[in-house]
């Protein structure tokens, strides 16, 4: 059914966000001795204190499932023939799918008990969650679907070269999930604007050369090193800062927001130097930047939803807060999005959003009433009990 408000308008709303990381944190002191790094070296260059690694029996699909089931309405028993799915479609953003073929999203949908809903993967590397958010926005605003599950998940540990300390100290494994649903314009959680871009002329700056059709079609045996992730760090740094800065400025112009009006800035958690450089160039102070990098490292497509879930669980987000997110990844790809945080409006007389503590509350929309974040007290306690708290 195509639900619309009295004036015929229709928007896409962010209803909920959840995050999950595997196992215990791997602190800098536990990194391989032959890398020749210590805690001070890693902190100074990346801002990272620890990261999480999936075990040998865990895949991207497993992490995606754990994050998604923390969302409101997805933790109950799977739907059956007498119980319709709680979502109408599934979008999975990942650069580390369980298999080259088929995609991972259909298996995720089946595992969640969502029946035969459409499900597909997006391969935009670290920009995947922003790209996915734009795709889900289009699916909902067009009237095609009422509610879409979006998951960003990556298990970078599966393709890192054990001898490559530059990537090894940075990347971690994790998953973040979100629900995007139809609702009236102006409602809490409304997705307002997007800016996306790519530059394929620089595709070789971030890549895994082996495994795909091009390497399989090449003559001769593949080189052993082609199985591993490679990144040309200095060139990537320059592109990341320039592309994300320009994208953020473009998006602010679209929304009519001044940089000073952004309550929370959530850049892709690549490394601390990139985050600081982009924030300074856009004109957003450090106190308004939401980061989770220091505890989980660069988790690829999961990094933005993990940071949002962590901040909401800590009470840093309040309904109506203006949120700006931006990401950069292989391809090259980049993108930004602007939205209002979901939930009940802030009570009269409370402090402004920057630095204020939000509440985990119910979000009134035209299509559903849902908890704003799966990182509220109950979900946080469940994750802590299992040893898999994203925070």
Protein backbone atom coordinates (compact mmCIF):
# COMPACT_ATOMS: atom_id res chain seq x y z
CA UNK A 1 0.00 0.00 0.00
CA UNK A 2 1.23 3.50 -0.86
CA UNK A 3 0.85 5.48 2.36
CA UNK A 4 0.90 9.24 1.93
CA UNK A 5 0.08 12.20 4.10
CA UNK A 6 -2.98 14.40 3.57
CA UNK A 7 -1.15 16.63 1.09
CA UNK A 8 0.09 13.71 -1.02
CA UNK A 9 3.73 14.13 0.00
CA UNK A 10 6.06 11.24 0.71
CA UNK A 11 9.52 11.16 2.24
CA UNK A 12 11.99 8.53 3.36
CA UNK A 13 12.79 8.47 7.06
CA UNK A 14 15.67 6.94 8.96
CA UNK A 15 13.88 4.89 11.63
CA UNK A 16 16.65 3.07 13.47
CA UNK A 17 20.38 2.32 13.49
CA UNK A 18 22.31 -0.54 15.12
CA UNK A 19 25.93 -1.68 15.16
CA UNK A 20 27.84 -4.89 15.92
CA UNK A 21 31.51 -5.86 15.96
CA UNK A 22 32.97 -9.35 16.46
CA UNK A 23 35.04 -10.66 19.35
CA UNK A 24 37.24 -8.82 21.80
CA UNK A 25 39.14 -5.68 20.81
CA UNK A 26 42.64 -6.14 19.40
CA UNK A 27 44.66 -3.38 21.04
CA UNK A 28 47.74 -1.82 19.47
CA UNK A 29 49.98 -3.68 21.93
CA UNK A 30 48.72 -6.99 20.49
CA UNK A 31 49.63 -6.25 16.87
CA UNK A 32 52.26 -8.53 15.28
CA UNK A 33 55.74 -7.87 16.61
CA UNK A 34 57.30 -8.08 13.14
CA UNK A 35 55.36 -4.99 12.09
CA UNK A 36 57.69 -2.96 14.27
CA UNK A 37 54.96 -0.68 15.63
CA UNK A 38 53.93 0.32 19.13
CA UNK A 39 50.87 1.99 20.62
CA UNK A 40 52.28 5.52 20.29
CA UNK A 41 53.23 4.97 16.63
CA UNK A 42 49.74 3.75 15.68
CA UNK A 43 47.88 6.39 17.69
CA UNK A 44 49.95 9.23 16.23
CA UNK A 45 49.47 8.17 12.63
CA UNK A 46 45.90 6.88 12.71
CA UNK A 47 44.18 7.79 15.97
CA UNK A 48 43.28 4.11 16.45
CA UNK A 49 43.61 2.34 19.80
CA UNK A 50 41.96 -0.98 18.95
CA UNK A 51 40.05 -2.82 16.26
CA UNK A 52 38.00 -6.04 16.07
CA UNK A 53 38.71 -9.14 14.00
CA UNK A 54 36.20 -11.75 12.90
CA UNK A 55 37.11 -15.33 13.72
CA UNK A 56 37.87 -17.91 11.03
CA UNK A 57 34.27 -19.13 11.11
CA UNK A 58 32.71 -15.68 10.61
CA UNK A 59 31.87 -14.00 7.31
CA UNK A 60 30.40 -10.69 6.20
CA UNK A 61 26.96 -12.27 6.12
CA UNK A 62 27.33 -13.33 9.76
CA UNK A 63 28.24 -9.81 10.88
CA UNK A 64 25.42 -8.31 8.81
CA UNK A 65 22.94 -10.69 10.43
CA UNK A 66 24.07 -9.81 13.96
CA UNK A 67 23.74 -6.07 13.32
CA UNK A 68 20.37 -6.34 11.58
CA UNK A 69 18.78 -8.46 14.30
CA UNK A 70 19.44 -5.67 16.82
CA UNK A 71 17.05 -3.40 14.97
CA UNK A 72 13.51 -3.00 16.35
CA UNK A 73 11.18 -5.62 14.92
CA UNK A 74 13.93 -7.82 13.52
CA UNK A 75 14.94 -9.57 16.73
CA UNK A 76 11.63 -11.45 17.08
CA UNK A 77 10.84 -14.83 15.57
CA UNK A 78 11.13 -14.87 11.77
CA UNK A 79 7.98 -14.12 9.85
CA UNK A 80 6.01 -17.05 8.50
CA UNK A 81 3.19 -17.52 6.01
CA UNK A 82 0.75 -15.91 8.45
CA UNK A 83 3.09 -13.07 9.37
CA UNK A 84 4.23 -10.67 6.65
CA UNK A 85 7.86 -9.50 6.53
CA UNK A 86 8.77 -6.50 8.61
CA UNK A 87 10.75 -5.07 5.70
CA UNK A 88 10.05 -5.03 1.95
CA UNK A 89 13.61 -5.11 0.59
CA UNK A 90 17.20 -5.63 1.72
CA UNK A 91 20.27 -3.70 0.53
CA UNK A 92 23.74 -4.82 1.65
CA UNK A 93 26.73 -2.53 1.12
CA UNK A 94 30.00 -4.48 1.25
CA UNK A 95 33.37 -4.83 -0.43
CA UNK A 96 33.92 -8.27 1.12
CA UNK A 97 30.94 -10.42 0.03
CA UNK A 98 30.73 -13.99 1.20
CA UNK A 99 31.20 -15.14 -2.42
CA UNK A 100 32.01 -13.56 -5.78
CA UNK A 101 28.73 -15.16 -6.84
CA UNK A 102 25.99 -14.98 -5.66
CA UNK A 103 25.42 -11.77 -3.73
CA UNK A 104 25.26 -11.93 0.06
CA UNK A 105 22.03 -9.97 0.56
CA UNK A 106 19.55 -12.72 -0.49
CA UNK A 107 21.06 -15.15 2.04
CA UNK A 108 20.87 -12.41 4.69
CA UNK A 109 17.19 -11.80 3.94
CA UNK A 110 16.44 -15.52 4.19
CA UNK A 111 18.35 -15.86 7.44
CA UNK A 112 16.37 -12.97 8.94
CA UNK A 113 13.14 -14.70 7.99
CA UNK A 114 12.08 -12.03 5.49
CA UNK A 115 10.80 -14.47 2.90
CA UNK A 116 11.19 -13.68 -0.79
CA UNK A 117 11.74 -9.92 -0.55
CA UNK A 118 14.12 -8.42 -3.14
CA UNK A 119 17.69 -8.29 -1.88
CA UNK A 120 20.92 -7.15 -3.52
CA UNK A 121 24.50 -6.03 -2.81
CA UNK A 122 26.11 -2.65 -3.46
CA UNK A 123 29.87 -2.50 -4.14
CA UNK A 124 31.01 1.06 -3.44
CA UNK A 125 33.69 0.05 -0.91
CA UNK A 126 33.88 2.51 2.01
CA UNK A 127 31.22 4.76 0.41
CA UNK A 128 28.78 1.86 0.43
CA UNK A 129 26.54 2.97 3.29
CA UNK A 130 26.02 6.46 1.83
CA UNK A 131 25.33 5.00 -1.62
CA UNK A 132 23.00 2.49 -0.02
CA UNK A 133 21.15 5.19 1.89
CA UNK A 134 20.55 7.04 -1.38
CA UNK A 135 19.31 3.85 -3.05
CA UNK A 136 16.94 3.10 -0.15
CA UNK A 137 15.69 6.69 -0.26
CA UNK A 138 14.82 6.25 -3.92
CA UNK A 139 13.10 2.91 -3.35
CA UNK A 140 10.90 4.43 -0.63
CA UNK A 141 10.16 7.87 -2.09
CA UNK A 142 9.21 6.31 -5.43
CA UNK A 143 6.49 4.34 -3.65
CA UNK A 144 8.02 1.02 -4.63
CA UNK A 145 8.55 -0.09 -1.02
CA UNK A 146 7.46 1.02 2.44
CA UNK A 147 10.44 -0.07 4.52
CA UNK A 148 13.93 -1.13 3.48
CA UNK A 149 16.70 -2.72 5.52
CA UNK A 150 20.15 -1.30 4.78
CA UNK A 151 23.28 -3.00 6.12
CA UNK A 152 26.89 -1.94 5.73
CA UNK A 153 29.27 -4.79 6.62
CA UNK A 154 32.88 -5.65 5.89
CA UNK A 155 35.39 -8.24 7.04
CA UNK A 156 38.62 -6.63 5.88
CA UNK A 157 40.72 -9.08 7.88
CA UNK A 158 39.99 -11.72 5.21
CA UNK A 159 41.96 -9.89 2.52
CA UNK A 160 44.72 -8.05 4.40
CA UNK A 161 48.32 -9.04 3.66
CA UNK A 162 49.80 -10.31 6.95
CA UNK A 163 53.02 -8.49 6.06
CA UNK A 164 51.35 -5.14 5.30
CA UNK A 165 51.39 -3.14 8.51
CA UNK A 166 50.06 0.04 6.85
CA UNK A 167 46.67 -1.59 6.22
CA UNK A 168 46.83 -3.98 9.15
CA UNK A 169 46.90 -1.26 11.79
CA UNK A 170 43.97 0.61 10.23
CA UNK A 171 41.25 -1.84 9.22
CA UNK A 172 38.80 -3.64 11.46
CA UNK A 173 35.72 -5.81 10.95
CA UNK A 174 32.17 -4.73 11.74
CA UNK A 175 28.59 -4.20 10.60
CA UNK A 176 26.00 -1.45 10.92
CA UNK A 177 22.32 -1.65 10.01
CA UNK A 178 19.51 0.85 9.45
CA UNK A 179 15.80 0.87 8.68
CA UNK A 180 14.50 3.39 6.12
CA UNK A 181 10.73 3.80 5.91
CA UNK A 182 8.07 5.94 4.23
CA UNK A 183 6.69 8.92 6.10
CA UNK A 184 5.47 12.49 5.67
CA UNK A 185 7.81 15.37 4.80
CA UNK A 186 9.16 17.11 7.88
CA UNK A 187 8.86 14.05 10.12
CA UNK A 188 11.74 13.13 12.46
CA UNK A 189 14.43 11.14 10.66
CA UNK A 190 13.73 12.63 7.23
CA UNK A 191 16.47 12.03 4.65
CA UNK A 192 16.92 15.44 3.05
CA UNK A 193 19.61 15.43 0.37
CA UNK A 194 22.47 13.47 -1.20
CA UNK A 195 25.61 14.13 -3.19
CA UNK A 196 27.35 11.17 -4.86
CA UNK A 197 30.34 10.90 -7.17
CA UNK A 198 32.98 8.64 -8.67
CA UNK A 199 36.24 8.80 -10.61
CA UNK A 200 37.14 5.56 -12.35
CA UNK A 201 40.35 6.98 -13.78
CA UNK A 202 41.89 6.38 -10.34
CA UNK A 203 40.39 2.94 -9.74
CA UNK A 204 43.79 1.37 -9.08
CA UNK A 205 44.49 3.44 -5.96
CA UNK A 206 42.43 1.03 -3.84
CA UNK A 207 41.94 -2.51 -5.08
CA UNK A 208 42.27 -6.26 -4.73
CA UNK A 209 43.70 -7.25 -8.11
CA UNK A 210 42.93 -10.96 -7.99
CA UNK A 211 39.73 -12.98 -7.94
CA UNK A 212 37.58 -11.11 -10.44
CA UNK A 213 36.86 -11.65 -14.11
CA UNK A 214 39.83 -9.56 -15.29
CA UNK A 215 42.39 -11.58 -13.35
CA UNK A 216 40.76 -14.87 -14.33
CA UNK A 217 40.84 -13.90 -18.01
CA UNK A 218 44.51 -12.93 -17.89
CA UNK A 219 47.14 -15.34 -19.22
CA UNK A 220 49.54 -16.90 -16.77
CA UNK A 221 49.23 -17.76 -13.11
CA UNK A 222 48.06 -14.93 -10.83
CA UNK A 223 50.64 -13.39 -8.54
CA UNK A 224 50.29 -14.37 -4.89
CA UNK A 225 50.14 -10.75 -3.77
CA UNK A 226 47.12 -10.10 -6.02
CA UNK A 227 44.91 -11.84 -3.47
CA UNK A 228 45.46 -9.02 -0.96
CA UNK A 229 44.07 -5.55 -0.47
CA UNK A 230 46.35 -2.76 -1.72
CA UNK A 231 46.06 0.97 -1.17
CA UNK A 232 48.34 3.80 -2.27
CA UNK A 233 48.10 5.72 0.96
CA UNK A 234 49.40 9.21 0.15
CA UNK A 235 47.38 9.53 -3.06
CA UNK A 236 44.27 8.17 -1.34
CA UNK A 237 44.67 10.68 1.48
CA UNK A 238 44.71 13.61 -0.93
CA UNK A 239 41.72 12.36 -2.91
CA UNK A 240 39.74 11.53 0.23
CA UNK A 241 40.16 14.97 1.79
CA UNK A 242 39.43 16.86 -1.43
CA UNK A 243 36.46 14.72 -2.53
CA UNK A 244 34.72 14.60 0.84
CA UNK A 245 35.25 18.30 1.46
CA UNK A 246 33.78 19.25 -1.92
CA UNK A 247 30.90 16.82 -1.50
CA UNK A 248 30.03 18.24 1.93
CA UNK A 249 30.09 21.80 0.61
CA UNK A 250 27.88 20.81 -2.31
CA UNK A 251 25.41 19.15 0.01
CA UNK A 252 25.30 22.10 2.40
CA UNK A 253 24.43 24.31 -0.55
CA UNK A 254 21.60 21.91 -1.51
CA UNK A 255 20.11 21.90 1.97
CA UNK A 256 20.67 25.57 2.66
CA UNK A 257 22.48 24.72 5.87
CA UNK A 258 25.44 26.72 7.05
CA UNK A 259 28.31 24.65 8.43
CA UNK A 260 27.64 26.22 11.83
CA UNK A 261 24.10 24.78 11.76
CA UNK A 262 25.27 21.16 11.51
CA UNK A 263 24.76 19.52 14.90
CA UNK A 264 26.71 16.34 14.16
CA UNK A 265 29.28 15.57 11.48
CA UNK A 266 29.98 11.88 10.80
CA UNK A 267 32.76 11.32 8.27
CA UNK A 268 33.80 7.84 7.17
CA UNK A 269 36.11 6.62 9.91
CA UNK A 270 39.23 6.18 7.77
CA UNK A 271 41.88 7.67 10.02
CA UNK A 272 42.03 10.61 12.42
CA UNK A 273 44.08 12.84 10.13
CA UNK A 274 41.56 12.59 7.29
CA UNK A 275 38.66 13.24 9.68
CA UNK A 276 40.29 16.35 11.12
CA UNK A 277 41.29 17.71 7.72
CA UNK A 278 37.79 17.37 6.23
CA UNK A 279 36.08 18.82 9.30
CA UNK A 280 38.41 21.83 9.36
CA UNK A 281 37.95 22.53 5.65
CA UNK A 282 34.15 22.26 5.89
CA UNK A 283 34.17 24.51 8.96
CA UNK A 284 32.90 22.08 11.60
CA UNK A 285 34.53 22.03 15.03
CA UNK A 286 35.85 18.86 16.61
CA UNK A 287 33.17 18.93 19.32
CA UNK A 288 30.53 18.30 16.64
CA UNK A 289 32.34 15.35 15.01
CA UNK A 290 31.10 11.88 15.92
CA UNK A 291 33.91 9.35 15.85
CA UNK A 292 34.20 5.69 16.74
CA UNK A 293 37.49 5.13 14.94
CA UNK A 294 39.65 4.88 18.02
CA UNK A 295 37.86 1.72 19.21
CA UNK A 296 37.02 -0.10 15.97
CA UNK A 297 39.37 1.21 13.28
CA UNK A 298 38.30 1.61 9.66
CA UNK A 299 35.35 -0.79 9.21
CA UNK A 300 34.59 0.17 5.60
CA UNK A 301 30.90 0.41 4.77
CA UNK A 302 30.07 -0.22 8.45
CA UNK A 303 31.95 2.79 9.80
CA UNK A 304 29.23 5.46 9.59
CA UNK A 305 26.33 3.40 11.01
CA UNK A 306 28.65 2.10 13.75
CA UNK A 307 29.57 5.67 14.70
CA UNK A 308 25.91 6.73 14.68
CA UNK A 309 24.85 3.75 16.79
CA UNK A 310 27.64 4.38 19.27
CA UNK A 311 26.79 8.08 19.59
CA UNK A 312 23.10 7.39 20.03
CA UNK A 313 23.79 4.75 22.66
CA UNK A 314 25.84 7.38 24.52
CA UNK A 315 22.94 9.84 24.36
CA UNK A 316 24.69 12.35 22.10
CA UNK A 317 21.89 12.50 19.51
CA UNK A 318 18.48 14.10 19.95
CA UNK A 319 15.41 14.17 17.71
CA UNK A 320 15.64 16.83 15.02
CA UNK A 321 19.42 17.20 15.21
CA UNK A 322 20.97 18.06 11.86
CA UNK A 323 23.33 15.29 10.78
CA UNK A 324 25.83 15.42 7.92
CA UNK A 325 27.62 12.22 6.87
CA UNK A 326 30.30 11.78 4.23
CA UNK A 327 32.43 8.91 2.91
CA UNK A 328 35.15 8.06 0.43
CA UNK A 329 36.17 4.67 -0.94
CA UNK A 330 37.64 2.65 -3.75
CA UNK A 331 36.39 3.07 -7.25
CA UNK A 332 37.02 5.90 -6.59
CA UNK A 333 33.66 6.67 -4.99
CA UNK A 334 32.43 9.27 -2.55
CA UNK A 335 29.19 10.65 -1.21
CA UNK A 336 27.45 12.71 1.45
CA UNK A 337 23.97 12.78 2.96
CA UNK A 338 22.02 15.14 5.19
CA UNK A 339 19.15 14.16 7.48
CA UNK A 340 17.38 14.93 10.73
CA UNK A 341 17.87 12.48 13.58
CA UNK A 342 14.70 10.49 14.41
CA UNK A 343 12.86 10.28 17.72
CA UNK A 344 10.54 12.33 19.86
CA UNK A 345 11.05 16.12 19.75
CA UNK A 346 13.21 17.54 22.52
CA UNK A 347 11.28 18.85 25.51
CA UNK A 348 10.96 22.62 25.80
CA UNK A 349 13.74 24.23 27.78
CA UNK A 350 16.35 21.52 27.18
CA UNK A 351 19.81 22.35 25.93
CA UNK A 352 20.76 22.68 22.28
CA UNK A 353 21.67 19.56 20.36
CA UNK A 354 25.45 19.94 20.37
CA UNK A 355 26.71 18.04 23.36
CA UNK A 356 23.18 17.34 24.60
CA UNK A 357 22.06 13.87 25.62
CA UNK A 358 19.29 12.46 23.46
CA UNK A 359 16.78 9.80 24.44
CA UNK A 360 15.94 6.45 22.91
CA UNK A 361 12.30 7.02 22.11
CA UNK A 362 9.56 6.07 19.68
CA UNK A 363 9.40 7.71 16.27
CA UNK A 364 5.96 8.62 14.92
CA UNK A 365 5.84 8.16 11.15
CA UNK A 366 3.05 7.69 8.64
CA UNK A 367 3.99 4.04 8.20
CA UNK A 368 5.16 2.81 11.58
CA UNK A 369 6.05 3.51 15.17
CA UNK A 370 9.56 2.24 15.88
CA UNK A 371 12.34 2.69 18.41
CA UNK A 372 14.81 5.24 17.09
CA UNK A 373 17.89 3.15 17.74
CA UNK A 374 18.74 -0.40 18.61
CA UNK A 375 21.55 0.96 20.73
CA UNK A 376 19.27 1.90 23.60
CA UNK A 377 19.64 0.36 27.04
CA UNK A 378 18.16 -3.05 26.25
CA UNK A 379 20.11 -3.63 23.05
CA UNK A 380 23.33 -2.29 24.57
CA UNK A 381 22.96 -4.70 27.47
CA UNK A 382 22.39 -7.62 25.08
CA UNK A 383 25.59 -6.80 23.22
CA UNK A 384 27.62 -6.41 26.39
CA UNK A 385 26.41 -9.73 27.69
CA UNK A 386 27.53 -11.41 24.47
CA UNK A 387 30.87 -9.60 24.40
CA UNK A 388 30.06 -7.96 21.07
CA UNK A 389 29.20 -4.40 22.03
CA UNK A 390 29.95 -1.99 19.19
CA UNK A 391 30.73 0.65 21.78
